[in-house]
Amino acid sequence: MRGPEAEFQSAVIEAAQWHGWIVHHTRSVQIRPGVWSTPLQGNKGFPDLVLARQAQGDLVFAEMKSARGRLSPEQELWLATLTAAGAEAYCWRPVDMAAILNRLSRSNQ
C-alpha cells in the first residue's frame, strides 16, 4: 500500500497505539515491478488491521480503504463473517476518522 491510503492507515495505527491498543498488519511485498503479494495461507481478503486491548477486552478488525476504494467480494465476506461471529469489523475510510478516533478512545464494554 502506498500513498494516501498508507498515510491514513499509519495515522490509525498511531492513534490506536496511543490509546493502548496492540496492532497487527501484514505488509504486502513487491515481488517484481508492479506486482505485489501478501504471503498468507487461507482465504483471501482478511482485514488490513487487527487491533486488541487486553485491559478492556476489545478486539477490532478493520479494512482500510481510500475515499474511492472498493471492497473486494473476499473482503466483504470476511467482514460479514466476522460480524456474524460477534466481532467488531469495519471498513474504515479517511472520512470516518472522527468515528475511528472515538472508537479507539473508548472501551467496548
N, C-alpha and C. Protein backbone atom coordinates (compact mmCIF):
# COMPACT_ATOMS: atom_id res chain seq x y z
N MET A 1 0.85 -1.17 0.00
CA MET A 1 0.00 0.00 0.00
C MET A 1 0.89 1.23 0.00
N ARG A 2 0.55 2.18 -0.84
CA ARG A 2 1.31 3.42 -0.94
C ARG A 2 0.35 4.59 -0.99
N GLY A 3 0.88 5.78 -0.80
CA GLY A 3 0.10 7.00 -0.99
C GLY A 3 -0.83 7.30 0.16
N PRO A 4 -1.94 7.99 -0.16
CA PRO A 4 -2.87 8.46 0.88
C PRO A 4 -3.44 7.34 1.75
N GLU A 5 -3.70 6.17 1.16
CA GLU A 5 -4.24 5.06 1.96
C GLU A 5 -3.22 4.60 3.00
N ALA A 6 -1.95 4.57 2.63
CA ALA A 6 -0.89 4.19 3.57
C ALA A 6 -0.76 5.22 4.68
N GLU A 7 -0.86 6.50 4.34
CA GLU A 7 -0.79 7.55 5.34
C GLU A 7 -1.97 7.46 6.31
N PHE A 8 -3.15 7.20 5.78
CA PHE A 8 -4.35 7.04 6.60
C PHE A 8 -4.17 5.86 7.55
N GLN A 9 -3.72 4.74 7.02
CA GLN A 9 -3.52 3.56 7.85
C GLN A 9 -2.49 3.83 8.95
N SER A 10 -1.41 4.49 8.61
CA SER A 10 -0.39 4.83 9.61
C SER A 10 -0.96 5.72 10.71
N ALA A 11 -1.81 6.66 10.34
CA ALA A 11 -2.44 7.54 11.33
C ALA A 11 -3.34 6.75 12.27
N VAL A 12 -4.09 5.78 11.72
CA VAL A 12 -4.96 4.95 12.55
C VAL A 12 -4.12 4.09 13.49
N ILE A 13 -3.05 3.49 12.98
CA ILE A 13 -2.19 2.67 13.82
C ILE A 13 -1.59 3.50 14.96
N GLU A 14 -1.11 4.68 14.63
CA GLU A 14 -0.52 5.56 15.65
C GLU A 14 -1.55 5.92 16.72
N ALA A 15 -2.76 6.27 16.29
CA ALA A 15 -3.82 6.61 17.25
C ALA A 15 -4.19 5.41 18.11
N ALA A 16 -4.28 4.25 17.50
CA ALA A 16 -4.62 3.04 18.25
C ALA A 16 -3.57 2.76 19.32
N GLN A 17 -2.31 2.81 18.94
CA GLN A 17 -1.24 2.55 19.90
C GLN A 17 -1.24 3.59 21.01
N TRP A 18 -1.52 4.84 20.68
CA TRP A 18 -1.59 5.89 21.68
C TRP A 18 -2.67 5.60 22.72
N HIS A 19 -3.76 4.96 22.27
CA HIS A 19 -4.87 4.63 23.16
C HIS A 19 -4.72 3.24 23.79
N GLY A 20 -3.55 2.63 23.67
CA GLY A 20 -3.27 1.37 24.36
C GLY A 20 -3.60 0.10 23.62
N TRP A 21 -3.89 0.20 22.34
CA TRP A 21 -4.16 -0.99 21.53
C TRP A 21 -2.84 -1.59 21.05
N ILE A 22 -2.84 -2.91 20.88
CA ILE A 22 -1.76 -3.54 20.12
C ILE A 22 -2.33 -3.80 18.73
N VAL A 23 -1.46 -3.73 17.72
CA VAL A 23 -1.91 -3.72 16.33
C VAL A 23 -1.14 -4.75 15.52
N HIS A 24 -1.87 -5.45 14.65
CA HIS A 24 -1.23 -6.35 13.68
C HIS A 24 -1.63 -5.92 12.28
N HIS A 25 -0.63 -5.85 11.41
CA HIS A 25 -0.84 -5.59 9.99
C HIS A 25 0.17 -6.41 9.22
N THR A 26 -0.27 -7.13 8.21
CA THR A 26 0.62 -7.89 7.35
C THR A 26 0.89 -7.06 6.10
N ARG A 27 2.15 -6.76 5.86
CA ARG A 27 2.52 -5.92 4.71
C ARG A 27 2.66 -6.74 3.44
N SER A 28 2.24 -6.12 2.35
CA SER A 28 2.48 -6.69 1.03
C SER A 28 3.93 -6.44 0.64
N VAL A 29 4.44 -7.31 -0.20
CA VAL A 29 5.80 -7.13 -0.70
C VAL A 29 5.76 -7.08 -2.22
N GLN A 30 6.65 -6.29 -2.79
CA GLN A 30 6.74 -6.21 -4.24
C GLN A 30 7.64 -7.33 -4.72
N ILE A 31 7.07 -8.25 -5.50
CA ILE A 31 7.85 -9.40 -5.96
C ILE A 31 8.52 -9.13 -7.31
N ARG A 32 7.99 -8.16 -8.04
CA ARG A 32 8.62 -7.63 -9.26
C ARG A 32 7.92 -6.32 -9.56
N PRO A 33 8.49 -5.50 -10.40
CA PRO A 33 7.88 -4.19 -10.65
C PRO A 33 6.39 -4.28 -10.99
N GLY A 34 5.59 -3.59 -10.19
CA GLY A 34 4.15 -3.55 -10.42
C GLY A 34 3.37 -4.73 -9.90
N VAL A 35 4.05 -5.73 -9.33
CA VAL A 35 3.37 -6.93 -8.83
C VAL A 35 3.62 -7.04 -7.33
N TRP A 36 2.52 -6.98 -6.56
CA TRP A 36 2.60 -7.04 -5.10
C TRP A 36 1.92 -8.31 -4.62
N SER A 37 2.42 -8.87 -3.52
CA SER A 37 1.87 -10.09 -2.96
C SER A 37 1.94 -10.03 -1.44
N THR A 38 0.95 -10.63 -0.78
CA THR A 38 0.97 -10.78 0.67
C THR A 38 1.03 -12.28 0.95
N PRO A 39 2.16 -12.74 1.46
CA PRO A 39 2.32 -14.18 1.67
C PRO A 39 1.50 -14.68 2.86
N LEU A 40 0.33 -15.21 2.56
CA LEU A 40 -0.58 -15.73 3.58
C LEU A 40 -1.10 -17.10 3.17
N GLN A 41 -1.58 -17.81 4.16
CA GLN A 41 -2.25 -19.07 3.88
C GLN A 41 -3.69 -18.93 4.35
N GLY A 42 -4.61 -19.43 3.58
CA GLY A 42 -6.02 -19.33 3.96
C GLY A 42 -6.80 -18.51 2.95
N ASN A 43 -7.95 -18.04 3.37
CA ASN A 43 -8.83 -17.30 2.48
C ASN A 43 -8.34 -15.88 2.25
N LYS A 44 -8.46 -15.43 1.02
CA LYS A 44 -8.10 -14.06 0.65
C LYS A 44 -9.06 -13.07 1.28
N GLY A 45 -8.59 -11.82 1.39
CA GLY A 45 -9.46 -10.74 1.80
C GLY A 45 -9.48 -10.42 3.28
N PHE A 46 -8.60 -11.05 4.08
CA PHE A 46 -8.57 -10.79 5.52
C PHE A 46 -8.33 -9.30 5.77
N PRO A 47 -8.99 -8.71 6.77
CA PRO A 47 -8.84 -7.28 7.03
C PRO A 47 -7.39 -6.83 7.25
N ASP A 48 -7.14 -5.57 6.91
CA ASP A 48 -5.79 -4.99 7.00
C ASP A 48 -5.27 -4.93 8.42
N LEU A 49 -6.13 -4.59 9.37
CA LEU A 49 -5.69 -4.38 10.74
C LEU A 49 -6.47 -5.26 11.71
N VAL A 50 -5.74 -5.77 12.70
CA VAL A 50 -6.35 -6.39 13.87
C VAL A 50 -5.86 -5.58 15.06
N LEU A 51 -6.79 -5.06 15.84
CA LEU A 51 -6.45 -4.22 17.00
C LEU A 51 -7.05 -4.87 18.24
N ALA A 52 -6.27 -4.90 19.32
CA ALA A 52 -6.74 -5.51 20.56
C ALA A 52 -6.25 -4.72 21.76
N ARG A 53 -7.08 -4.71 22.81
CA ARG A 53 -6.69 -4.13 24.10
C ARG A 53 -7.09 -5.12 25.18
N GLN A 54 -6.10 -5.60 25.88
CA GLN A 54 -6.32 -6.63 26.89
C GLN A 54 -7.16 -6.12 28.06
N ALA A 55 -6.79 -4.98 28.61
CA ALA A 55 -7.47 -4.49 29.81
C ALA A 55 -8.96 -4.27 29.59
N GLN A 56 -9.34 -3.81 28.41
CA GLN A 56 -10.75 -3.54 28.11
C GLN A 56 -11.44 -4.71 27.43
N GLY A 57 -10.69 -5.71 27.02
CA GLY A 57 -11.29 -6.84 26.32
C GLY A 57 -11.80 -6.48 24.95
N ASP A 58 -11.14 -5.52 24.30
CA ASP A 58 -11.56 -5.06 22.98
C ASP A 58 -10.83 -5.80 21.86
N LEU A 59 -11.56 -6.09 20.79
CA LEU A 59 -10.98 -6.68 19.59
C LEU A 59 -11.69 -6.10 18.38
N VAL A 60 -10.92 -5.52 17.45
CA VAL A 60 -11.48 -4.87 16.26
C VAL A 60 -10.71 -5.34 15.03
N PHE A 61 -11.44 -5.61 13.97
CA PHE A 61 -10.87 -5.91 12.66
C PHE A 61 -11.25 -4.75 11.75
N ALA A 62 -10.28 -4.24 10.99
CA ALA A 62 -10.57 -3.10 10.13
C ALA A 62 -9.92 -3.25 8.75
N GLU A 63 -10.73 -3.08 7.73
CA GLU A 63 -10.25 -2.99 6.36
C GLU A 63 -10.10 -1.51 6.05
N MET A 64 -8.93 -1.12 5.60
CA MET A 64 -8.64 0.28 5.33
C MET A 64 -8.84 0.56 3.84
N LYS A 65 -9.61 1.59 3.55
CA LYS A 65 -9.85 1.95 2.15
C LYS A 65 -9.73 3.45 1.97
N SER A 66 -9.28 3.84 0.79
CA SER A 66 -9.26 5.25 0.43
C SER A 66 -10.70 5.71 0.23
N ALA A 67 -10.88 6.98 0.00
CA ALA A 67 -12.23 7.53 -0.19
C ALA A 67 -12.97 6.81 -1.31
N ARG A 68 -12.27 6.42 -2.35
CA ARG A 68 -12.92 5.78 -3.50
C ARG A 68 -12.63 4.29 -3.62
N GLY A 69 -11.86 3.74 -2.68
CA GLY A 69 -11.51 2.32 -2.74
C GLY A 69 -12.73 1.42 -2.56
N ARG A 70 -12.72 0.29 -3.23
CA ARG A 70 -13.84 -0.64 -3.17
C ARG A 70 -13.42 -1.93 -2.47
N LEU A 71 -14.34 -2.49 -1.72
CA LEU A 71 -14.11 -3.78 -1.11
C LEU A 71 -14.23 -4.87 -2.18
N SER A 72 -13.33 -5.83 -2.12
CA SER A 72 -13.44 -6.99 -3.00
C SER A 72 -14.51 -7.92 -2.41
N PRO A 73 -15.04 -8.84 -3.21
CA PRO A 73 -16.01 -9.80 -2.66
C PRO A 73 -15.42 -10.59 -1.49
N GLU A 74 -14.13 -10.90 -1.56
CA GLU A 74 -13.49 -11.65 -0.47
C GLU A 74 -13.41 -10.81 0.81
N GLN A 75 -13.15 -9.51 0.66
CA GLN A 75 -13.12 -8.62 1.83
C GLN A 75 -14.51 -8.47 2.43
N GLU A 76 -15.52 -8.34 1.58
CA GLU A 76 -16.90 -8.25 2.05
C GLU A 76 -17.28 -9.51 2.83
N LEU A 77 -16.87 -10.68 2.33
CA LEU A 77 -17.17 -11.94 3.01
C LEU A 77 -16.51 -12.00 4.38
N TRP A 78 -15.25 -11.61 4.48
CA TRP A 78 -14.56 -11.60 5.77
C TRP A 78 -15.28 -10.68 6.75
N LEU A 79 -15.58 -9.45 6.35
CA LEU A 79 -16.23 -8.50 7.25
C LEU A 79 -17.60 -9.01 7.70
N ALA A 80 -18.37 -9.56 6.78
CA ALA A 80 -19.70 -10.09 7.11
C ALA A 80 -19.59 -11.30 8.04
N THR A 81 -18.62 -12.16 7.79
CA THR A 81 -18.45 -13.36 8.61
C THR A 81 -17.98 -13.01 10.02
N LEU A 82 -17.03 -12.09 10.11
CA LEU A 82 -16.55 -11.66 11.43
C LEU A 82 -17.68 -11.00 12.23
N THR A 83 -18.46 -10.16 11.57
CA THR A 83 -19.60 -9.51 12.23
C THR A 83 -20.62 -10.54 12.69
N ALA A 84 -20.93 -11.50 11.84
CA ALA A 84 -21.89 -12.56 12.19
C ALA A 84 -21.39 -13.39 13.37
N ALA A 85 -20.07 -13.49 13.51
CA ALA A 85 -19.48 -14.25 14.62
C ALA A 85 -19.40 -13.43 15.90
N GLY A 86 -19.88 -12.18 15.85
CA GLY A 86 -19.91 -11.35 17.04
C GLY A 86 -18.73 -10.40 17.18
N ALA A 87 -17.85 -10.34 16.19
CA ALA A 87 -16.68 -9.45 16.25
C ALA A 87 -17.06 -8.06 15.73
N GLU A 88 -16.28 -7.08 16.14
CA GLU A 88 -16.38 -5.75 15.56
C GLU A 88 -15.54 -5.75 14.29
N ALA A 89 -16.15 -5.49 13.16
CA ALA A 89 -15.42 -5.49 11.89
C ALA A 89 -15.91 -4.30 11.07
N TYR A 90 -14.95 -3.53 10.58
CA TYR A 90 -15.27 -2.28 9.90
C TYR A 90 -14.52 -2.15 8.58
N CYS A 91 -15.10 -1.37 7.69
CA CYS A 91 -14.38 -0.80 6.56
C CYS A 91 -14.21 0.67 6.91
N TRP A 92 -12.96 1.08 7.15
CA TRP A 92 -12.67 2.45 7.55
C TRP A 92 -12.09 3.23 6.39
N ARG A 93 -12.58 4.47 6.24
CA ARG A 93 -12.11 5.40 5.22
C ARG A 93 -11.69 6.70 5.90
N PRO A 94 -10.88 7.53 5.23
CA PRO A 94 -10.46 8.79 5.85
C PRO A 94 -11.61 9.64 6.37
N VAL A 95 -12.74 9.64 5.70
CA VAL A 95 -13.90 10.42 6.14
C VAL A 95 -14.42 9.94 7.50
N ASP A 96 -14.07 8.72 7.89
CA ASP A 96 -14.52 8.13 9.15
C ASP A 96 -13.60 8.45 10.33
N MET A 97 -12.58 9.30 10.13
CA MET A 97 -11.54 9.46 11.14
C MET A 97 -12.08 9.88 12.51
N ALA A 98 -13.06 10.76 12.56
CA ALA A 98 -13.62 11.17 13.86
C ALA A 98 -14.25 9.97 14.58
N ALA A 99 -15.01 9.16 13.85
CA ALA A 99 -15.64 7.97 14.44
C ALA A 99 -14.58 6.94 14.84
N ILE A 100 -13.53 6.82 14.04
CA ILE A 100 -12.44 5.90 14.36
C ILE A 100 -11.77 6.32 15.66
N LEU A 101 -11.45 7.59 15.78
CA LEU A 101 -10.81 8.08 17.00
C LEU A 101 -11.73 7.91 18.20
N ASN A 102 -13.02 8.10 18.01
CA ASN A 102 -13.98 7.87 19.08
C ASN A 102 -13.95 6.40 19.52
N ARG A 103 -13.95 5.49 18.55
CA ARG A 103 -13.92 4.06 18.90
C ARG A 103 -12.63 3.68 19.60
N LEU A 104 -11.52 4.18 19.11
CA LEU A 104 -10.23 3.82 19.70
C LEU A 104 -10.06 4.36 21.11
N SER A 105 -10.75 5.45 21.43
CA SER A 105 -10.58 6.09 22.73
C SER A 105 -11.53 5.53 23.80
N ARG A 106 -12.50 4.74 23.41
CA ARG A 106 -13.45 4.22 24.39
C ARG A 106 -13.35 2.69 24.51
N SER A 107 -13.91 2.20 25.58
CA SER A 107 -13.99 0.75 25.77
C SER A 107 -15.28 0.25 25.13
N ASN A 108 -15.26 -0.97 24.66
CA ASN A 108 -16.44 -1.58 24.05
C ASN A 108 -17.35 -2.19 25.11
N GLN A 109 -16.92 -2.20 26.33
CA GLN A 109 -17.71 -2.88 27.36
C GLN A 109 -18.84 -2.04 27.89
